[in-house]
C-alpha atoms as a PDB file:
ATOM      1  CA  UNK A   1      37.400 162.969  81.864  1.00  0.00           C
ATOM      2  CA  UNK A   2      40.054 165.884  82.155  1.00  0.00           C
ATOM      3  CA  UNK A   3      40.554 168.505  79.389  1.00  0.00           C
ATOM      4  CA  UNK A   4      43.844 169.434  78.419  1.00  0.00           C
ATOM      5  CA  UNK A   5      44.480 172.705  76.564  1.00  0.00           C
ATOM      6  CA  UNK A   6      47.065 172.688  73.419  1.00  0.00           C
ATOM      7  CA  UNK A   7      49.873 173.365  75.645  1.00  0.00           C
ATOM      8  CA  UNK A   8      49.381 171.204  78.833  1.00  0.00           C
ATOM      9  CA  UNK A   9      48.193 168.490  75.815  1.00  0.00           C
ATOM     10  CA  UNK A  10      51.833 169.073  74.216  1.00  0.00           C
ATOM     11  CA  UNK A  11      53.662 169.158  77.653  1.00  0.00           C
ATOM     12  CA  UNK A  12      52.271 165.865  78.909  1.00  0.00           C
ATOM     13  CA  UNK A  13      53.906 164.464  75.976  1.00  0.00           C
ATOM     14  CA  UNK A  14      51.055 162.936  74.134  1.00  0.00           C
ATOM     15  CA  UNK A  15      51.213 162.765  70.359  1.00  0.00           C
ATOM     16  CA  UNK A  16      48.618 163.866  67.299  1.00  0.00           C
ATOM     17  CA  UNK A  17      47.744 160.968  65.220  1.00  0.00           C
ATOM     18  CA  UNK A  18      50.193 161.172  62.242  1.00  0.00           C
ATOM     19  CA  UNK A  19      52.606 162.852  64.510  1.00  0.00           C
ATOM     20  CA  UNK A  20      56.541 162.529  64.578  1.00  0.00           C
ATOM     21  CA  UNK A  21      56.038 159.933  67.294  1.00  0.00           C
ATOM     22  CA  UNK A  22      53.817 157.850  65.738  1.00  0.00           C
ATOM     23  CA  UNK A  23      55.894 156.911  62.711  1.00  0.00           C
ATOM     24  CA  UNK A  24      58.466 154.256  62.752  1.00  0.00           C
ATOM     25  CA  UNK A  25      61.260 155.592  64.875  1.00  0.00           C
ATOM     26  CA  UNK A  26      63.025 151.856  65.198  1.00  0.00           C
ATOM     27  CA  UNK A  27      64.022 151.937  61.485  1.00  0.00           C
ATOM     28  CA  UNK A  28      66.744 153.881  61.157  1.00  0.00           C
ATOM     29  CA  UNK A  29      68.733 152.366  58.346  1.00  0.00           C
ATOM     30  CA  UNK A  30      65.621 152.190  55.873  1.00  0.00           C
ATOM     31  CA  UNK A  31      66.317 155.479  54.011  1.00  0.00           C
ATOM     32  CA  UNK A  32      64.241 158.744  54.075  1.00  0.00           C
ATOM     33  CA  UNK A  33      61.062 158.608  54.572  1.00  0.00           C
ATOM     34  CA  UNK A  34      58.369 161.457  53.417  1.00  0.00           C
ATOM     35  CA  UNK A  35      56.921 163.101  55.930  1.00  0.00           C
ATOM     36  CA  UNK A  36      53.186 162.913  56.179  1.00  0.00           C
ATOM     37  CA  UNK A  37      50.984 165.962  55.057  1.00  0.00           C
ATOM     38  CA  UNK A  38      49.703 167.567  58.392  1.00  0.00           C
ATOM     39  CA  UNK A  39      46.416 165.889  59.429  1.00  0.00           C
ATOM     40  CA  UNK A  40      44.994 169.091  61.027  1.00  0.00           C
ATOM     41  CA  UNK A  41      45.524 172.775  62.036  1.00  0.00           C
ATOM     42  CA  UNK A  42      47.079 171.838  65.384  1.00  0.00           C
ATOM     43  CA  UNK A  43      50.019 169.897  63.526  1.00  0.00           C
ATOM     44  CA  UNK A  44      50.780 172.608  61.354  1.00  0.00           C
ATOM     45  CA  UNK A  45      51.697 174.687  64.528  1.00  0.00           C
ATOM     46  CA  UNK A  46      53.592 172.110  65.785  1.00  0.00           C
ATOM     47  CA  UNK A  47      55.347 171.842  62.348  1.00  0.00           C
ATOM     48  CA  UNK A  48      56.032 175.776  62.653  1.00  0.00           C
ATOM     49  CA  UNK A  49      57.790 175.117  66.058  1.00  0.00           C
ATOM     50  CA  UNK A  50      55.375 177.149  67.953  1.00  0.00           C
ATOM     51  CA  UNK A  51      56.534 176.135  71.418  1.00  0.00           C
ATOM     52  CA  UNK A  52      54.149 175.257  74.593  1.00  0.00           C
ATOM     53  CA  UNK A  53      54.633 178.505  76.319  1.00  0.00           C
ATOM     54  CA  UNK A  54      54.485 180.735  73.744  1.00  0.00           C
ATOM     55  CA  UNK A  55      50.738 179.125  72.795  1.00  0.00           C
ATOM     56  CA  UNK A  56      49.814 179.322  76.333  1.00  0.00           C
ATOM     57  CA  UNK A  57      50.742 182.954  76.341  1.00  0.00           C
ATOM     58  CA  UNK A  58      49.323 183.929  73.262  1.00  0.00           C
ATOM     59  CA  UNK A  59      46.209 182.398  74.569  1.00  0.00           C
ATOM     60  CA  UNK A  60      46.091 184.715  77.613  1.00  0.00           C
ATOM     61  CA  UNK A  61      47.135 187.774  75.962  1.00  0.00           C
ATOM     62  CA  UNK A  62      45.043 187.430  72.619  1.00  0.00           C
ATOM     63  CA  UNK A  63      42.020 185.937  74.618  1.00  0.00           C
ATOM     64  CA  UNK A  64      41.781 183.495  71.643  1.00  0.00           C
ATOM     65  CA  UNK A  65      41.179 179.856  72.299  1.00  0.00           C
ATOM     66  CA  UNK A  66      43.407 177.880  70.296  1.00  0.00           C
ATOM     67  CA  UNK A  67      41.692 174.443  70.905  1.00  0.00           C
ATOM     68  CA  UNK A  68      39.302 175.342  68.046  1.00  0.00           C
ATOM     69  CA  UNK A  69      39.853 175.381  64.300  1.00  0.00           C
ATOM     70  CA  UNK A  70      39.055 178.787  64.206  1.00  0.00           C
ATOM     71  CA  UNK A  71      41.818 180.094  66.785  1.00  0.00           C
ATOM     72  CA  UNK A  72      44.415 177.984  65.104  1.00  0.00           C
ATOM     73  CA  UNK A  73      43.548 179.135  61.575  1.00  0.00           C
ATOM     74  CA  UNK A  74      43.866 182.707  62.944  1.00  0.00           C
ATOM     75  CA  UNK A  75      47.225 181.973  64.733  1.00  0.00           C
ATOM     76  CA  UNK A  76      48.536 180.095  61.395  1.00  0.00           C
ATOM     77  CA  UNK A  77      47.899 183.505  59.629  1.00  0.00           C
ATOM     78  CA  UNK A  78      49.217 185.801  61.983  1.00  0.00           C
ATOM     79  CA  UNK A  79      52.314 183.860  61.954  1.00  0.00           C
ATOM     80  CA  UNK A  80      52.315 183.665  57.886  1.00  0.00           C
ATOM     81  CA  UNK A  81      51.842 187.518  57.770  1.00  0.00           C
ATOM     82  CA  UNK A  82      54.833 187.995  60.327  1.00  0.00           C
ATOM     83  CA  UNK A  83      56.948 185.597  58.136  1.00  0.00           C
ATOM     84  CA  UNK A  84      56.784 188.183  55.448  1.00  0.00           C
ATOM     85  CA  UNK A  85      58.694 190.709  57.348  1.00  0.00           C
ATOM     86  CA  UNK A  86      61.973 188.170  56.947  1.00  0.00           C
ATOM     87  CA  UNK A  87      61.836 188.466  53.181  1.00  0.00           C
ATOM     88  CA  UNK A  88      62.174 192.726  53.186  1.00  0.00           C
ATOM     89  CA  UNK A  89      65.850 193.515  52.361  1.00  0.00           C
ATOM     90  CA  UNK A  90      66.805 195.909  54.798  1.00  0.00           C
ATOM     91  CA  UNK A  91      70.606 196.546  54.121  1.00  0.00           C
ATOM     92  CA  UNK A  92      71.807 199.827  54.064  1.00  0.00           C
ATOM     93  CA  UNK A  93      68.551 201.224  55.994  1.00  0.00           C
ATOM     94  CA  UNK A  94      69.590 202.901  59.151  1.00  0.00           C
ATOM     95  CA  UNK A  95      67.437 202.426  62.262  1.00  0.00           C
ATOM     96  CA  UNK A  96      64.942 205.288  63.008  1.00  0.00           C
ATOM     97  CA  UNK A  97      64.493 206.619  66.493  1.00  0.00           C
ATOM     98  CA  UNK A  98      60.797 208.304  65.675  1.00  0.00           C
ATOM     99  CA  UNK A  99      59.095 208.495  62.622  1.00  0.00           C
ATOM    100  CA  UNK A 100      59.314 212.360  63.058  1.00  0.00           C
ATOM    101  CA  UNK A 101      63.205 212.404  63.170  1.00  0.00           C
ATOM    102  CA  UNK A 102      63.020 214.991  60.218  1.00  0.00           C
ATOM    103  CA  UNK A 103      60.540 217.559  61.683  1.00  0.00           C
ATOM    104  CA  UNK A 104      60.542 219.654  64.582  1.00  0.00           C
ATOM    105  CA  UNK A 105      58.064 218.428  67.159  1.00  0.00           C
ATOM    106  CA  UNK A 106      56.500 221.470  69.325  1.00  0.00           C
ATOM    107  CA  UNK A 107      55.343 220.295  72.774  1.00  0.00           C
ATOM    108  CA  UNK A 108      53.671 222.327  74.883  1.00  0.00           C
ATOM    109  CA  UNK A 109      54.260 223.292  78.637  1.00  0.00           C
ATOM    110  CA  UNK A 110      53.348 220.471  80.808  1.00  0.00           C
ATOM    111  CA  UNK A 111      51.470 222.933  83.666  1.00  0.00           C
ATOM    112  CA  UNK A 112      50.215 220.654  86.544  1.00  0.00           C
ATOM    113  CA  UNK A 113      46.990 222.248  87.634  1.00  0.00           C
ATOM    114  CA  UNK A 114      45.782 219.993  90.301  1.00  0.00           C
ATOM    115  CA  UNK A 115      47.629 217.458  92.102  1.00  0.00           C
ATOM    116  CA  UNK A 116      47.482 214.994  94.384  1.00  0.00           C
ATOM    117  CA  UNK A 117      44.226 213.548  93.371  1.00  0.00           C
ATOM    118  CA  UNK A 118      44.972 209.459  93.046  1.00  0.00           C
ATOM    119  CA  UNK A 119      42.492 208.759  95.888  1.00  0.00           C
ATOM    120  CA  UNK A 120      39.590 210.820  94.053  1.00  0.00           C
ATOM    121  CA  UNK A 121      40.623 208.933  90.968  1.00  0.00           C
ATOM    122  CA  UNK A 122      40.447 205.493  92.391  1.00  0.00           C
ATOM    123  CA  UNK A 123      37.413 206.194  94.199  1.00  0.00           C
ATOM    124  CA  UNK A 124      35.423 206.356  90.750  1.00  0.00           C
ATOM    125  CA  UNK A 125      36.982 202.527  89.506  1.00  0.00           C
ATOM    126  CA  UNK A 126      35.037 199.548  90.194  1.00  0.00           C
ATOM    127  CA  UNK A 127      37.966 197.530  91.201  1.00  0.00           C
ATOM    128  CA  UNK A 128      41.703 198.184  92.022  1.00  0.00           C
ATOM    129  CA  UNK A 129      44.284 196.414  93.447  1.00  0.00           C
ATOM    130  CA  UNK A 130      47.324 198.219  95.036  1.00  0.00           C
ATOM    131  CA  UNK A 131      46.350 201.686  93.601  1.00  0.00           C
ATOM    132  CA  UNK A 132      46.002 200.386  90.006  1.00  0.00           C
ATOM    133  CA  UNK A 133      42.910 200.175  88.262  1.00  0.00           C
ATOM    134  CA  UNK A 134      41.878 196.527  87.224  1.00  0.00           C
ATOM    135  CA  UNK A 135      40.567 196.258  83.936  1.00  0.00           C
ATOM    136  CA  UNK A 136      37.896 193.467  82.837  1.00  0.00           C
ATOM    137  CA  UNK A 137      39.683 190.591  80.817  1.00  0.00           C
ATOM    138  CA  UNK A 138      37.991 191.633  77.484  1.00  0.00           C
ATOM    139  CA  UNK A 139      34.716 191.108  75.663  1.00  0.00           C
ATOM    140  CA  UNK A 140      35.693 187.275  74.946  1.00  0.00           C
ATOM    141  CA  UNK A 141      34.871 185.590  78.210  1.00  0.00           C
ATOM    142  CA  UNK A 142      37.436 182.864  78.542  1.00  0.00           C
ATOM    143  CA  UNK A 143      35.946 179.330  79.909  1.00  0.00           C
ATOM    144  CA  UNK A 144      38.054 177.396  82.241  1.00  0.00           C
ATOM    145  CA  UNK A 145      40.242 174.916  80.440  1.00  0.00           C
ATOM    146  CA  UNK A 146      38.318 172.092  82.387  1.00  0.00           C
ATOM    147  CA  UNK A 147      35.002 172.588  81.661  1.00  0.00           C
ATOM    148  CA  UNK A 148      35.245 173.156  77.597  1.00  0.00           C
ATOM    149  CA  UNK A 149      36.010 170.418  75.265  1.00  0.00           C
ATOM    150  CA  UNK A 150      39.167 170.861  72.984  1.00  0.00           C
ATOM    151  CA  UNK A 151      39.856 170.793  69.571  1.00  0.00           C
ATOM    152  CA  UNK A 152      42.436 168.081  70.028  1.00  0.00           C
ATOM    153  CA  UNK A 153      40.977 165.881  71.805  1.00  0.00           C
ATOM    154  CA  UNK A 154      38.497 165.524  68.999  1.00  0.00           C
ATOM    155  CA  UNK A 155      41.285 164.967  66.471  1.00  0.00           C
ATOM    156  CA  UNK A 156      42.262 161.781  68.271  1.00  0.00           C
END
């Protein structure tokens, strides 16, 4: 059995139980149907219009697995927190170039004491790619998508 991540699951056109595709779509003239409340965290994300591409990108950046309830709840809280910024009245507020616009910022002279030591610095790195340091992906190991059972499959 192949396991799909949230993004792949949605891209494949599969629907969540109780989602919009599971309602009667042939009854156009029957009047307004009340929308059923979401039955799980993943469905709430779908109602908040988070695109599949954004979800996959966030999984990679944050090293958070959105295929379980804890990851989905964490994303929901972050979205709710960010939505509060839309409520702030910024009329008449001039944008700032820096938080220190009203102060003089005294910088020291940039004196180069040693140069061209790229080779010596890169020799200390465990792994390099094209003269760049390669950092580990983080302290949270990501399991391959095919090896881990997704949260969405459990909610079918």
